[in-house]
């Protein structure tokens, strides 16, 4: 997988605080990079971290993780 770090949606949820369903929504919207391997979605870790940084800077706090 090109040496990039890919994590499952559950690992991404644990890392980000986002719900798994919200992560799937981000995948469908193309907001984060992901690929499906068999029945499992894998998210590119750096793509998620970039999205989280962008969300933190946004004035719309609904995009931030639930704490």
C-alpha atoms as a PDB file:
ATOM      1  CA  UNK A   1       0.000   0.000   0.000  1.00  0.00           C
ATOM      2  CA  UNK A   2       2.751   2.447  -1.003  1.00  0.00           C
ATOM      3  CA  UNK A   3       4.247   2.641   2.476  1.00  0.00           C
ATOM      4  CA  UNK A   4       1.444   4.945   3.609  1.00  0.00           C
ATOM      5  CA  UNK A   5      -0.167   4.116   6.898  1.00  0.00           C
ATOM      6  CA  UNK A   6      -3.707   2.825   6.494  1.00  0.00           C
ATOM      7  CA  UNK A   7      -5.994   2.293   9.493  1.00  0.00           C
ATOM      8  CA  UNK A   8      -9.430   0.748   9.905  1.00  0.00           C
ATOM      9  CA  UNK A   9     -12.489   2.908  10.440  1.00  0.00           C
ATOM     10  CA  UNK A  10     -12.566   1.794  14.091  1.00  0.00           C
ATOM     11  CA  UNK A  11      -8.932   2.804  14.593  1.00  0.00           C
ATOM     12  CA  UNK A  12      -9.710   6.121  12.890  1.00  0.00           C
ATOM     13  CA  UNK A  13     -12.676   6.617  15.220  1.00  0.00           C
ATOM     14  CA  UNK A  14     -10.482   5.935  18.243  1.00  0.00           C
ATOM     15  CA  UNK A  15      -7.830   8.342  16.956  1.00  0.00           C
ATOM     16  CA  UNK A  16     -10.160  11.166  15.950  1.00  0.00           C
ATOM     17  CA  UNK A  17     -13.138  10.947  18.270  1.00  0.00           C
ATOM     18  CA  UNK A  18     -15.429  10.876  15.221  1.00  0.00           C
ATOM     19  CA  UNK A  19     -18.177   8.268  15.015  1.00  0.00           C
ATOM     20  CA  UNK A  20     -17.564   5.465  12.504  1.00  0.00           C
ATOM     21  CA  UNK A  21     -20.676   6.519  10.556  1.00  0.00           C
ATOM     22  CA  UNK A  22     -19.343  10.082  10.248  1.00  0.00           C
ATOM     23  CA  UNK A  23     -16.047   8.725   8.950  1.00  0.00           C
ATOM     24  CA  UNK A  24     -17.939   6.751   6.313  1.00  0.00           C
ATOM     25  CA  UNK A  25     -19.742   9.962   5.347  1.00  0.00           C
ATOM     26  CA  UNK A  26     -16.366  11.698   4.946  1.00  0.00           C
ATOM     27  CA  UNK A  27     -15.160   8.813   2.787  1.00  0.00           C
ATOM     28  CA  UNK A  28     -18.225   9.051   0.518  1.00  0.00           C
ATOM     29  CA  UNK A  29     -17.785  12.823   0.246  1.00  0.00           C
ATOM     30  CA  UNK A  30     -14.119  12.399  -0.692  1.00  0.00           C
ATOM     31  CA  UNK A  31     -13.010  14.484   2.297  1.00  0.00           C
ATOM     32  CA  UNK A  32     -10.568  11.804   3.439  1.00  0.00           C
ATOM     33  CA  UNK A  33      -8.662   9.198   1.442  1.00  0.00           C
ATOM     34  CA  UNK A  34      -9.807   5.633   1.879  1.00  0.00           C
ATOM     35  CA  UNK A  35      -9.891   2.332   0.071  1.00  0.00           C
ATOM     36  CA  UNK A  36     -11.969  -0.746   0.480  1.00  0.00           C
ATOM     37  CA  UNK A  37     -10.129  -4.027   0.946  1.00  0.00           C
ATOM     38  CA  UNK A  38     -12.615  -6.877   0.801  1.00  0.00           C
ATOM     39  CA  UNK A  39     -15.336  -5.710   3.211  1.00  0.00           C
ATOM     40  CA  UNK A  40     -13.119  -3.423   5.307  1.00  0.00           C
ATOM     41  CA  UNK A  41     -12.618   0.285   4.692  1.00  0.00           C
ATOM     42  CA  UNK A  42      -9.080   1.532   5.345  1.00  0.00           C
ATOM     43  CA  UNK A  43      -8.438   5.221   5.854  1.00  0.00           C
ATOM     44  CA  UNK A  44      -5.150   6.914   5.108  1.00  0.00           C
ATOM     45  CA  UNK A  45      -3.990   8.149   8.512  1.00  0.00           C
ATOM     46  CA  UNK A  46      -2.388  11.371   7.226  1.00  0.00           C
ATOM     47  CA  UNK A  47      -5.534  12.246   5.283  1.00  0.00           C
ATOM     48  CA  UNK A  48      -7.566  11.944   8.484  1.00  0.00           C
ATOM     49  CA  UNK A  49      -5.056  14.028  10.447  1.00  0.00           C
ATOM     50  CA  UNK A  50      -5.153  16.708   7.729  1.00  0.00           C
ATOM     51  CA  UNK A  51      -8.958  16.749   7.838  1.00  0.00           C
ATOM     52  CA  UNK A  52      -8.913  17.042  11.637  1.00  0.00           C
ATOM     53  CA  UNK A  53      -6.508  20.000  11.437  1.00  0.00           C
ATOM     54  CA  UNK A  54      -8.748  21.695   8.899  1.00  0.00           C
ATOM     55  CA  UNK A  55     -11.832  21.034  11.031  1.00  0.00           C
ATOM     56  CA  UNK A  56     -10.112  22.484  14.105  1.00  0.00           C
ATOM     57  CA  UNK A  57      -9.493  25.750  12.234  1.00  0.00           C
ATOM     58  CA  UNK A  58     -13.075  25.945  10.971  1.00  0.00           C
ATOM     59  CA  UNK A  59     -15.526  28.323  12.577  1.00  0.00           C
ATOM     60  CA  UNK A  60     -18.161  25.582  12.207  1.00  0.00           C
ATOM     61  CA  UNK A  61     -17.470  23.557  15.348  1.00  0.00           C
ATOM     62  CA  UNK A  62     -19.874  20.814  14.239  1.00  0.00           C
ATOM     63  CA  UNK A  63     -16.987  19.436  12.137  1.00  0.00           C
ATOM     64  CA  UNK A  64     -14.815  18.784  15.170  1.00  0.00           C
ATOM     65  CA  UNK A  65     -14.666  15.482  17.036  1.00  0.00           C
ATOM     66  CA  UNK A  66     -17.127  14.733  19.781  1.00  0.00           C
ATOM     67  CA  UNK A  67     -15.480  14.761  23.181  1.00  0.00           C
END
